[in-house]
Amino acid sequence: MRTDNIVTVTAAEFHRNIGTYQDIALTKTVTITKNGRERTVLISAEEYARLKRRDRRVISAGELTDRQIAALRETKVPDQHADLDREIKDWKP
């Protein structure tokens, strides 16, 4: 997100003018600080829903089905990205 879309406010200021900052949060992110440190963020319900839709479920390798494992084994890197192999050439687990 661009920084010009972020409004930073102290917790005390937010508390005094909560309605104003709720309105601002409809179009911009409101970062609320406490003791000079970012503590919470206020965003619109629409933005929250958008972010939640982007959530991905993380699973452990043990949860993969045999079909998913077979699909991973058969996966090939597209030729246009073959140069990325050099990034892991010296990689050691």
Foldseek 3Di string as FASTA:
>chain_A
DDPVQEAEEEPVVCVVPVVVVLVSQARGKYFYDYPPHGDDIRHDPVVVVVVVVVDDDDDDPVPDDPVRVVVVVPDDDPPVCVVCVVVCPPPDD
